[in-house]
Structure formats: C-alpha cells, structure tokens
C-alpha cells in the first residue's frame, strides 16, 4: 500500500520517463508538474514547452483543454495506492530521433 506522497513520486517519475528524462532536463525551466489525491489513486501530470512561457507569478495554473493553455508536450498517469501500478492517460511525447 502506497501513501499519496509515495504514489506522487512514482507518478511524476513515470511521466518524466515517458517524456524522456534528458528532454525534460533540457527544458526544466518551462516544465510544470501537477498532482491530485483521489480515493484509490494519485493523479500525476508533467507538461512542458520548448518555448519560454509567460511567468506564472507564483500562482496556480489551471489545467484545461483550451489551446492557449495546453502544453505541447505532456504526460499524465494514475498510480494505484494498492499496488503502485502506473496507468498512463494522455501522453504527448516528442519524437525521438
């Protein structure tokens, strides 16, 4: 059985791995992470842009489907508290050359 904090770490790492660790490191200043505590799983999200984004002024970012707010690259997943299983949701990953 995982705690929320443990599941969050697993999920964020899984999203980073899905996007590519080196790719995320290269654009880490343009990267956003988000997570949520659900009844039986943790939701995790990593989004990034290769273009500089407007400053967020330390406020919250609302994740929605409007084109101007979407990250060009992102990965999201749920991590089960019971067994730590990662289930990927929407993933927009860079093409690997």
PDB file of N, CA and C in Angstrom:
ATOM      1  N   UNK A   1       0.847  -1.179   0.000  1.00  0.00           N
ATOM      2  CA  UNK A   1       0.000   0.000   0.000  1.00  0.00           C
ATOM      3  C   UNK A   1       0.895   1.246   0.000  1.00  0.00           C
ATOM      4  N   UNK A   2       0.655   2.150  -0.947  1.00  0.00           N
ATOM      5  CA  UNK A   2       1.430   3.372  -1.036  1.00  0.00           C
ATOM      6  C   UNK A   2       0.686   4.545  -0.404  1.00  0.00           C
ATOM      7  N   UNK A   3       1.446   5.475   0.136  1.00  0.00           N
ATOM      8  CA  UNK A   3       0.864   6.732   0.590  1.00  0.00           C
ATOM      9  C   UNK A   3       0.731   7.659  -0.621  1.00  0.00           C
ATOM     10  N   UNK A   4       0.024   8.755  -0.454  1.00  0.00           N
ATOM     11  CA  UNK A   4      -0.098   9.727  -1.530  1.00  0.00           C
ATOM     12  C   UNK A   4       1.274  10.231  -1.945  1.00  0.00           C
ATOM     13  N   UNK A   5       2.126  10.573  -0.986  1.00  0.00           N
ATOM     14  CA  UNK A   5       3.457  11.098  -1.300  1.00  0.00           C
ATOM     15  C   UNK A   5       4.289  10.086  -2.083  1.00  0.00           C
ATOM     16  N   UNK A   6       4.224   8.807  -1.706  1.00  0.00           N
ATOM     17  CA  UNK A   6       4.954   7.770  -2.429  1.00  0.00           C
ATOM     18  C   UNK A   6       4.416   7.607  -3.849  1.00  0.00           C
ATOM     19  N   UNK A   7       3.097   7.573  -3.982  1.00  0.00           N
ATOM     20  CA  UNK A   7       2.473   7.418  -5.297  1.00  0.00           C
ATOM     21  C   UNK A   7       2.766   8.625  -6.184  1.00  0.00           C
ATOM     22  N   UNK A   8       2.785   9.808  -5.596  1.00  0.00           N
ATOM     23  CA  UNK A   8       3.091  11.033  -6.346  1.00  0.00           C
ATOM     24  C   UNK A   8       4.501  10.957  -6.929  1.00  0.00           C
ATOM     25  N   UNK A   9       5.457  10.516  -6.135  1.00  0.00           N
ATOM     26  CA  UNK A   9       6.837  10.381  -6.621  1.00  0.00           C
ATOM     27  C   UNK A   9       6.928   9.376  -7.764  1.00  0.00           C
ATOM     28  N   UNK A  10       6.246   8.253  -7.607  1.00  0.00           N
ATOM     29  CA  UNK A  10       6.236   7.238  -8.663  1.00  0.00           C
ATOM     30  C   UNK A  10       5.624   7.818  -9.942  1.00  0.00           C
ATOM     31  N   UNK A  11       4.510   8.520  -9.805  1.00  0.00           N
ATOM     32  CA  UNK A  11       3.800   9.053 -10.963  1.00  0.00           C
ATOM     33  C   UNK A  11       4.550  10.153 -11.686  1.00  0.00           C
ATOM     34  N   UNK A  12       5.123  11.082 -10.939  1.00  0.00           N
ATOM     35  CA  UNK A  12       5.879  12.160 -11.577  1.00  0.00           C
ATOM     36  C   UNK A  12       7.089  11.575 -12.304  1.00  0.00           C
ATOM     37  N   UNK A  13       7.770  10.624 -11.683  1.00  0.00           N
ATOM     38  CA  UNK A  13       8.920   9.988 -12.335  1.00  0.00           C
ATOM     39  C   UNK A  13       8.482   9.222 -13.585  1.00  0.00           C
ATOM     40  N   UNK A  14       7.344   8.535 -13.513  1.00  0.00           N
ATOM     41  CA  UNK A  14       6.839   7.805 -14.676  1.00  0.00           C
ATOM     42  C   UNK A  14       6.537   8.764 -15.828  1.00  0.00           C
ATOM     43  N   UNK A  15       5.956   9.922 -15.516  1.00  0.00           N
ATOM     44  CA  UNK A  15       5.659  10.921 -16.546  1.00  0.00           C
ATOM     45  C   UNK A  15       6.943  11.482 -17.150  1.00  0.00           C
ATOM     46  N   UNK A  16       7.930  11.768 -16.306  1.00  0.00           N
ATOM     47  CA  UNK A  16       9.221  12.256 -16.792  1.00  0.00           C
ATOM     48  C   UNK A  16       9.866  11.200 -17.693  1.00  0.00           C
ATOM     49  N   UNK A  17       9.838   9.953 -17.272  1.00  0.00           N
ATOM     50  CA  UNK A  17      10.407   8.880 -18.086  1.00  0.00           C
ATOM     51  C   UNK A  17       9.686   8.746 -19.422  1.00  0.00           C
ATOM     52  N   UNK A  18       8.370   8.918 -19.416  1.00  0.00           N
ATOM     53  CA  UNK A  18       7.584   8.818 -20.652  1.00  0.00           C
ATOM     54  C   UNK A  18       7.987   9.923 -21.632  1.00  0.00           C
ATOM     55  N   UNK A  19       8.222  11.126 -21.118  1.00  0.00           N
ATOM     56  CA  UNK A  19       8.638  12.249 -21.959  1.00  0.00           C
ATOM     57  C   UNK A  19      10.105  12.159 -22.362  1.00  0.00           C
ATOM     58  N   UNK A  20      10.887  11.502 -21.553  1.00  0.00           N
ATOM     59  CA  UNK A  20      12.328  11.398 -21.778  1.00  0.00           C
ATOM     60  C   UNK A  20      13.054  12.279 -20.772  1.00  0.00           C
ATOM     61  N   UNK A  21      13.818  11.652 -19.902  1.00  0.00           N
ATOM     62  CA  UNK A  21      14.489  12.362 -18.819  1.00  0.00           C
ATOM     63  C   UNK A  21      15.356  13.509 -19.334  1.00  0.00           C
ATOM     64  N   UNK A  22      16.162  13.258 -20.367  1.00  0.00           N
ATOM     65  CA  UNK A  22      17.048  14.302 -20.897  1.00  0.00           C
ATOM     66  C   UNK A  22      16.251  15.451 -21.512  1.00  0.00           C
ATOM     67  N   UNK A  23      15.139  15.136 -22.170  1.00  0.00           N
ATOM     68  CA  UNK A  23      14.281  16.157 -22.766  1.00  0.00           C
ATOM     69  C   UNK A  23      13.700  17.064 -21.676  1.00  0.00           C
ATOM     70  N   UNK A  24      13.217  16.465 -20.604  1.00  0.00           N
ATOM     71  CA  UNK A  24      12.648  17.248 -19.502  1.00  0.00           C
ATOM     72  C   UNK A  24      13.726  18.100 -18.842  1.00  0.00           C
ATOM     73  N   UNK A  25      14.897  17.533 -18.628  1.00  0.00           N
ATOM     74  CA  UNK A  25      16.001  18.311 -18.027  1.00  0.00           C
ATOM     75  C   UNK A  25      16.377  19.504 -18.897  1.00  0.00           C
ATOM     76  N   UNK A  26      16.389  19.307 -20.209  1.00  0.00           N
ATOM     77  CA  UNK A  26      16.764  20.377 -21.137  1.00  0.00           C
ATOM     78  C   UNK A  26      15.809  21.571 -21.030  1.00  0.00           C
ATOM     79  N   UNK A  27      14.525  21.299 -20.801  1.00  0.00           N
ATOM     80  CA  UNK A  27      13.514  22.353 -20.745  1.00  0.00           C
ATOM     81  C   UNK A  27      12.902  22.500 -19.352  1.00  0.00           C
ATOM     82  N   UNK A  28      13.662  22.153 -18.326  1.00  0.00           N
ATOM     83  CA  UNK A  28      13.102  22.150 -16.973  1.00  0.00           C
ATOM     84  C   UNK A  28      12.564  23.509 -16.527  1.00  0.00           C
ATOM     85  N   UNK A  29      13.087  24.606 -17.083  1.00  0.00           N
ATOM     86  CA  UNK A  29      12.564  25.926 -16.713  1.00  0.00           C
ATOM     87  C   UNK A  29      11.184  26.180 -17.303  1.00  0.00           C
ATOM     88  N   UNK A  30      10.798  25.382 -18.284  1.00  0.00           N
ATOM     89  CA  UNK A  30       9.488  25.521 -18.923  1.00  0.00           C
ATOM     90  C   UNK A  30       8.593  24.326 -18.608  1.00  0.00           C
ATOM     91  N   UNK A  31       8.820  23.712 -17.453  1.00  0.00           N
ATOM     92  CA  UNK A  31       8.113  22.499 -17.065  1.00  0.00           C
ATOM     93  C   UNK A  31       7.185  22.764 -15.884  1.00  0.00           C
ATOM     94  N   UNK A  32       6.035  22.103 -15.912  1.00  0.00           N
ATOM     95  CA  UNK A  32       5.048  22.217 -14.837  1.00  0.00           C
ATOM     96  C   UNK A  32       4.662  20.814 -14.384  1.00  0.00           C
ATOM     97  N   UNK A  33       4.551  20.610 -13.081  1.00  0.00           N
ATOM     98  CA  UNK A  33       4.039  19.350 -12.556  1.00  0.00           C
ATOM     99  C   UNK A  33       2.754  19.623 -11.791  1.00  0.00           C
ATOM    100  N   UNK A  34       1.879  18.643 -11.801  1.00  0.00           N
ATOM    101  CA  UNK A  34       0.621  18.744 -11.062  1.00  0.00           C
ATOM    102  C   UNK A  34       0.252  17.347 -10.574  1.00  0.00           C
ATOM    103  N   UNK A  35      -0.524  17.289  -9.529  1.00  0.00           N
ATOM    104  CA  UNK A  35      -0.934  16.000  -8.981  1.00  0.00           C
ATOM    105  C   UNK A  35      -2.186  16.189  -8.149  1.00  0.00           C
ATOM    106  N   UNK A  36      -2.891  15.077  -7.966  1.00  0.00           N
ATOM    107  CA  UNK A  36      -4.121  15.109  -7.186  1.00  0.00           C
ATOM    108  C   UNK A  36      -4.296  13.826  -6.413  1.00  0.00           C
ATOM    109  N   UNK A  37      -4.918  13.936  -5.272  1.00  0.00           N
ATOM    110  CA  UNK A  37      -5.156  12.805  -4.385  1.00  0.00           C
ATOM    111  C   UNK A  37      -6.590  12.325  -4.582  1.00  0.00           C
ATOM    112  N   UNK A  38      -6.750  11.171  -5.208  1.00  0.00           N
ATOM    113  CA  UNK A  38      -8.063  10.585  -5.422  1.00  0.00           C
ATOM    114  C   UNK A  38      -8.280   9.464  -4.400  1.00  0.00           C
ATOM    115  N   UNK A  39      -9.450   8.877  -4.412  1.00  0.00           N
ATOM    116  CA  UNK A  39      -9.785   7.868  -3.405  1.00  0.00           C
ATOM    117  C   UNK A  39      -8.861   6.648  -3.445  1.00  0.00           C
ATOM    118  N   UNK A  40      -8.592   6.135  -4.646  1.00  0.00           N
ATOM    119  CA  UNK A  40      -7.788   4.911  -4.744  1.00  0.00           C
ATOM    120  C   UNK A  40      -6.513   5.075  -5.567  1.00  0.00           C
ATOM    121  N   UNK A  41      -6.215   6.309  -5.984  1.00  0.00           N
ATOM    122  CA  UNK A  41      -5.017   6.544  -6.787  1.00  0.00           C
ATOM    123  C   UNK A  41      -4.580   8.004  -6.700  1.00  0.00           C
ATOM    124  N   UNK A  42      -3.347   8.219  -7.105  1.00  0.00           N
ATOM    125  CA  UNK A  42      -2.821   9.576  -7.244  1.00  0.00           C
ATOM    126  C   UNK A  42      -2.780   9.900  -8.731  1.00  0.00           C
ATOM    127  N   UNK A  43      -3.220  11.093  -9.098  1.00  0.00           N
ATOM    128  CA  UNK A  43      -3.127  11.583 -10.471  1.00  0.00           C
ATOM    129  C   UNK A  43      -1.859  12.416 -10.571  1.00  0.00           C
ATOM    130  N   UNK A  44      -1.080  12.209 -11.629  1.00  0.00           N
ATOM    131  CA  UNK A  44       0.158  12.961 -11.816  1.00  0.00           C
ATOM    132  C   UNK A  44       0.247  13.470 -13.247  1.00  0.00           C
ATOM    133  N   UNK A  45       0.836  14.661 -13.401  1.00  0.00           N
ATOM    134  CA  UNK A  45       0.937  15.319 -14.701  1.00  0.00           C
ATOM    135  C   UNK A  45       2.265  16.050 -14.788  1.00  0.00           C
ATOM    136  N   UNK A  46       2.925  15.947 -15.934  1.00  0.00           N
ATOM    137  CA  UNK A  46       4.096  16.756 -16.249  1.00  0.00           C
ATOM    138  C   UNK A  46       3.858  17.342 -17.634  1.00  0.00           C
ATOM    139  N   UNK A  47       3.926  18.661 -17.731  1.00  0.00           N
ATOM    140  CA  UNK A  47       3.777  19.335 -19.012  1.00  0.00           C
ATOM    141  C   UNK A  47       4.970  20.233 -19.244  1.00  0.00           C
ATOM    142  N   UNK A  48       5.360  20.377 -20.513  1.00  0.00           N
ATOM    143  CA  UNK A  48       6.471  21.274 -20.795  1.00  0.00           C
ATOM    144  C   UNK A  48       6.344  21.862 -22.184  1.00  0.00           C
ATOM    145  N   UNK A  49       7.036  22.967 -22.338  1.00  0.00           N
ATOM    146  CA  UNK A  49       7.094  23.655 -23.611  1.00  0.00           C
ATOM    147  C   UNK A  49       8.561  23.882 -23.963  1.00  0.00           C
ATOM    148  N   UNK A  50       8.871  23.837 -25.242  1.00  0.00           N
ATOM    149  CA  UNK A  50      10.229  24.134 -25.685  1.00  0.00           C
ATOM    150  C   UNK A  50      10.399  25.634 -25.910  1.00  0.00           C
ATOM    151  N   UNK A  51       9.305  26.380 -25.806  1.00  0.00           N
ATOM    152  CA  UNK A  51       9.324  27.833 -25.942  1.00  0.00           C
ATOM    153  C   UNK A  51       9.136  28.455 -24.559  1.00  0.00           C
ATOM    154  N   UNK A  52       9.821  29.570 -24.291  1.00  0.00           N
ATOM    155  CA  UNK A  52       9.606  30.234 -22.998  1.00  0.00           C
ATOM    156  C   UNK A  52       8.133  30.606 -22.825  1.00  0.00           C
ATOM    157  N   UNK A  53       7.640  30.418 -21.624  1.00  0.00           N
ATOM    158  CA  UNK A  53       6.250  30.741 -21.315  1.00  0.00           C
ATOM    159  C   UNK A  53       6.200  32.004 -20.471  1.00  0.00           C
ATOM    160  N   UNK A  54       5.061  32.620 -20.455  1.00  0.00           N
ATOM    161  CA  UNK A  54       4.879  33.801 -19.625  1.00  0.00           C
ATOM    162  C   UNK A  54       5.035  33.402 -18.159  1.00  0.00           C
ATOM    163  N   UNK A  55       5.591  34.283 -17.343  1.00  0.00           N
ATOM    164  CA  UNK A  55       5.741  33.963 -15.915  1.00  0.00           C
ATOM    165  C   UNK A  55       4.386  33.686 -15.268  1.00  0.00           C
ATOM    166  N   UNK A  56       4.397  32.774 -14.307  1.00  0.00           N
ATOM    167  CA  UNK A  56       3.163  32.398 -13.625  1.00  0.00           C
ATOM    168  C   UNK A  56       2.969  33.177 -12.336  1.00  0.00           C
ATOM    169  N   UNK A  57       3.889  34.050 -11.996  1.00  0.00           N
ATOM    170  CA  UNK A  57       3.783  34.891 -10.800  1.00  0.00           C
ATOM    171  C   UNK A  57       3.515  34.088  -9.529  1.00  0.00           C
ATOM    172  N   UNK A  58       4.022  32.885  -9.482  1.00  0.00           N
ATOM    173  CA  UNK A  58       3.884  32.076  -8.276  1.00  0.00           C
ATOM    174  C   UNK A  58       2.478  31.573  -8.020  1.00  0.00           C
ATOM    175  N   UNK A  59       1.546  31.849  -8.925  1.00  0.00           N
ATOM    176  CA  UNK A  59       0.163  31.420  -8.748  1.00  0.00           C
ATOM    177  C   UNK A  59      -0.065  30.022  -9.272  1.00  0.00           C
ATOM    178  N   UNK A  60      -1.291  29.607  -9.220  1.00  0.00           N
ATOM    179  CA  UNK A  60      -1.664  28.286  -9.700  1.00  0.00           C
ATOM    180  C   UNK A  60      -1.920  28.324 -11.200  1.00  0.00           C
ATOM    181  N   UNK A  61      -1.710  27.200 -11.832  1.00  0.00           N
ATOM    182  CA  UNK A  61      -2.044  27.032 -13.236  1.00  0.00           C
ATOM    183  C   UNK A  61      -3.265  26.130 -13.296  1.00  0.00           C
ATOM    184  N   UNK A  62      -4.254  26.539 -14.041  1.00  0.00           N
ATOM    185  CA  UNK A  62      -5.437  25.706 -14.217  1.00  0.00           C
ATOM    186  C   UNK A  62      -5.230  24.880 -15.473  1.00  0.00           C
ATOM    187  N   UNK A  63      -5.242  23.573 -15.320  1.00  0.00           N
ATOM    188  CA  UNK A  63      -5.078  22.680 -16.458  1.00  0.00           C
ATOM    189  C   UNK A  63      -6.433  22.499 -17.119  1.00  0.00           C
ATOM    190  N   UNK A  64      -6.542  22.937 -18.349  1.00  0.00           N
ATOM    191  CA  UNK A  64      -7.779  22.731 -19.091  1.00  0.00           C
ATOM    192  C   UNK A  64      -7.454  22.458 -20.550  1.00  0.00           C
ATOM    193  N   UNK A  65      -8.478  22.292 -21.361  1.00  0.00           N
ATOM    194  CA  UNK A  65      -8.278  21.898 -22.752  1.00  0.00           C
ATOM    195  C   UNK A  65      -8.193  23.053 -23.734  1.00  0.00           C
ATOM    196  N   UNK A  66      -8.166  24.294 -23.274  1.00  0.00           N
ATOM    197  CA  UNK A  66      -8.099  25.401 -24.220  1.00  0.00           C
ATOM    198  C   UNK A  66      -6.727  25.402 -24.897  1.00  0.00           C
ATOM    199  N   UNK A  67      -6.687  25.627 -26.215  1.00  0.00           N
ATOM    200  CA  UNK A  67      -5.425  25.522 -26.964  1.00  0.00           C
ATOM    201  C   UNK A  67      -4.307  26.416 -26.430  1.00  0.00           C
ATOM    202  N   UNK A  68      -4.632  27.601 -25.962  1.00  0.00           N
ATOM    203  CA  UNK A  68      -3.589  28.505 -25.487  1.00  0.00           C
ATOM    204  C   UNK A  68      -3.011  28.083 -24.140  1.00  0.00           C
ATOM    205  N   UNK A  69      -3.666  27.191 -23.443  1.00  0.00           N
ATOM    206  CA  UNK A  69      -3.168  26.733 -22.145  1.00  0.00           C
ATOM    207  C   UNK A  69      -2.560  25.342 -22.206  1.00  0.00           C
ATOM    208  N   UNK A  70      -2.693  24.664 -23.324  1.00  0.00           N
ATOM    209  CA  UNK A  70      -2.137  23.316 -23.438  1.00  0.00           C
ATOM    210  C   UNK A  70      -0.627  23.351 -23.557  1.00  0.00           C
ATOM    211  N   UNK A  71       0.005  22.388 -22.976  1.00  0.00           N
ATOM    212  CA  UNK A  71       1.439  22.202 -23.158  1.00  0.00           C
ATOM    213  C   UNK A  71       1.643  21.384 -24.430  1.00  0.00           C
ATOM    214  N   UNK A  72       2.614  21.756 -25.256  1.00  0.00           N
ATOM    215  CA  UNK A  72       2.847  20.971 -26.470  1.00  0.00           C
ATOM    216  C   UNK A  72       3.317  19.541 -26.170  1.00  0.00           C
ATOM    217  N   UNK A  73       3.939  19.350 -25.011  1.00  0.00           N
ATOM    218  CA  UNK A  73       4.392  18.023 -24.590  1.00  0.00           C
ATOM    219  C   UNK A  73       3.909  17.788 -23.165  1.00  0.00           C
ATOM    220  N   UNK A  74       3.325  16.623 -22.935  1.00  0.00           N
ATOM    221  CA  UNK A  74       2.850  16.319 -21.588  1.00  0.00           C
ATOM    222  C   UNK A  74       2.639  14.820 -21.422  1.00  0.00           C
ATOM    223  N   UNK A  75       2.606  14.414 -20.175  1.00  0.00           N
ATOM    224  CA  UNK A  75       2.285  13.031 -19.831  1.00  0.00           C
ATOM    225  C   UNK A  75       1.501  13.064 -18.529  1.00  0.00           C
ATOM    226  N   UNK A  76       0.493  12.224 -18.443  1.00  0.00           N
ATOM    227  CA  UNK A  76      -0.276  12.119 -17.209  1.00  0.00           C
ATOM    228  C   UNK A  76      -0.556  10.650 -16.925  1.00  0.00           C
ATOM    229  N   UNK A  77      -0.729  10.359 -15.645  1.00  0.00           N
ATOM    230  CA  UNK A  77      -0.977   8.974 -15.252  1.00  0.00           C
ATOM    231  C   UNK A  77      -1.690   8.930 -13.911  1.00  0.00           C
ATOM    232  N   UNK A  78      -2.232   7.765 -13.617  1.00  0.00           N
ATOM    233  CA  UNK A  78      -2.759   7.446 -12.292  1.00  0.00           C
ATOM    234  C   UNK A  78      -1.861   6.381 -11.689  1.00  0.00           C
ATOM    235  N   UNK A  79      -1.609   6.485 -10.389  1.00  0.00           N
ATOM    236  CA  UNK A  79      -0.803   5.488  -9.682  1.00  0.00           C
ATOM    237  C   UNK A  79      -1.674   4.897  -8.574  1.00  0.00           C
ATOM    238  N   UNK A  80      -1.886   3.606  -8.641  1.00  0.00           N
ATOM    239  CA  UNK A  80      -2.724   2.902  -7.670  1.00  0.00           C
ATOM    240  C   UNK A  80      -2.069   2.894  -6.295  1.00  0.00           C
ATOM    241  N   UNK A  81      -2.843   3.232  -5.271  1.00  0.00           N
ATOM    242  CA  UNK A  81      -2.335   3.147  -3.901  1.00  0.00           C
ATOM    243  C   UNK A  81      -2.154   1.688  -3.482  1.00  0.00           C
ATOM    244  N   UNK A  82      -2.942   0.803  -4.043  1.00  0.00           N
ATOM    245  CA  UNK A  82      -2.909  -0.605  -3.654  1.00  0.00           C
ATOM    246  C   UNK A  82      -1.617  -1.294  -4.053  1.00  0.00           C
ATOM    247  N   UNK A  83      -1.246  -1.151  -5.347  1.00  0.00           N
ATOM    248  CA  UNK A  83      -0.089  -1.907  -5.832  1.00  0.00           C
ATOM    249  C   UNK A  83       0.962  -1.068  -6.558  1.00  0.00           C
ATOM    250  N   UNK A  84       0.769   0.247  -6.650  1.00  0.00           N
ATOM    251  CA  UNK A  84       1.746   1.114  -7.307  1.00  0.00           C
ATOM    252  C   UNK A  84       1.713   1.048  -8.820  1.00  0.00           C
ATOM    253  N   UNK A  85       0.703   0.385  -9.383  1.00  0.00           N
ATOM    254  CA  UNK A  85       0.600   0.252 -10.838  1.00  0.00           C
ATOM    255  C   UNK A  85       0.359   1.626 -11.469  1.00  0.00           C
ATOM    256  N   UNK A  86       1.128   1.910 -12.525  1.00  0.00           N
ATOM    257  CA  UNK A  86       1.001   3.162 -13.269  1.00  0.00           C
ATOM    258  C   UNK A  86       0.119   2.918 -14.479  1.00  0.00           C
ATOM    259  N   UNK A  87      -0.926   3.726 -14.623  1.00  0.00           N
ATOM    260  CA  UNK A  87      -1.789   3.689 -15.795  1.00  0.00           C
ATOM    261  C   UNK A  87      -1.666   5.036 -16.483  1.00  0.00           C
ATOM    262  N   UNK A  88      -1.073   5.031 -17.680  1.00  0.00           N
ATOM    263  CA  UNK A  88      -0.901   6.287 -18.408  1.00  0.00           C
ATOM    264  C   UNK A  88      -2.224   6.751 -18.974  1.00  0.00           C
ATOM    265  N   UNK A  89      -2.410   8.056 -18.973  1.00  0.00           N
ATOM    266  CA  UNK A  89      -3.597   8.673 -19.536  1.00  0.00           C
ATOM    267  C   UNK A  89      -3.195   9.331 -20.852  1.00  0.00           C
ATOM    268  N   UNK A  90      -3.302  10.633 -20.958  1.00  0.00           N
ATOM    269  CA  UNK A  90      -2.928  11.322 -22.185  1.00  0.00           C
ATOM    270  C   UNK A  90      -1.420  11.612 -22.178  1.00  0.00           C
ATOM    271  N   UNK A  91      -0.749  11.252 -23.276  1.00  0.00           N
ATOM    272  CA  UNK A  91       0.687  11.497 -23.391  1.00  0.00           C
ATOM    273  C   UNK A  91       0.984  12.101 -24.753  1.00  0.00           C
ATOM    274  N   UNK A  92       1.568  13.292 -24.747  1.00  0.00           N
ATOM    275  CA  UNK A  92       2.006  13.979 -25.956  1.00  0.00           C
ATOM    276  C   UNK A  92       3.519  14.083 -25.864  1.00  0.00           C
ATOM    277  N   UNK A  93       4.207  13.094 -26.428  1.00  0.00           N
ATOM    278  CA  UNK A  93       5.650  12.971 -26.248  1.00  0.00           C
ATOM    279  C   UNK A  93       6.396  13.418 -27.506  1.00  0.00           C
ATOM    280  N   UNK A  94       7.647  13.880 -27.336  1.00  0.00           N
ATOM    281  CA  UNK A  94       8.439  14.280 -28.503  1.00  0.00           C
ATOM    282  C   UNK A  94       8.851  13.063 -29.321  1.00  0.00           C
ATOM    283  N   UNK A  95       9.011  13.268 -30.620  1.00  0.00           N
ATOM    284  CA  UNK A  95       9.517  12.197 -31.464  1.00  0.00           C
ATOM    285  C   UNK A  95      10.998  12.022 -31.173  1.00  0.00           C
ATOM    286  N   UNK A  96      11.400  10.817 -30.951  1.00  0.00           N
ATOM    287  CA  UNK A  96      12.806  10.524 -30.683  1.00  0.00           C
ATOM    288  C   UNK A  96      13.502  10.250 -32.006  1.00  0.00           C
ATOM    289  N   UNK A  97      14.619  10.942 -32.218  1.00  0.00           N
ATOM    290  CA  UNK A  97      15.348  10.741 -33.476  1.00  0.00           C
ATOM    291  C   UNK A  97      16.536   9.838 -33.266  1.00  0.00           C
TER     292      UNK A  97
END
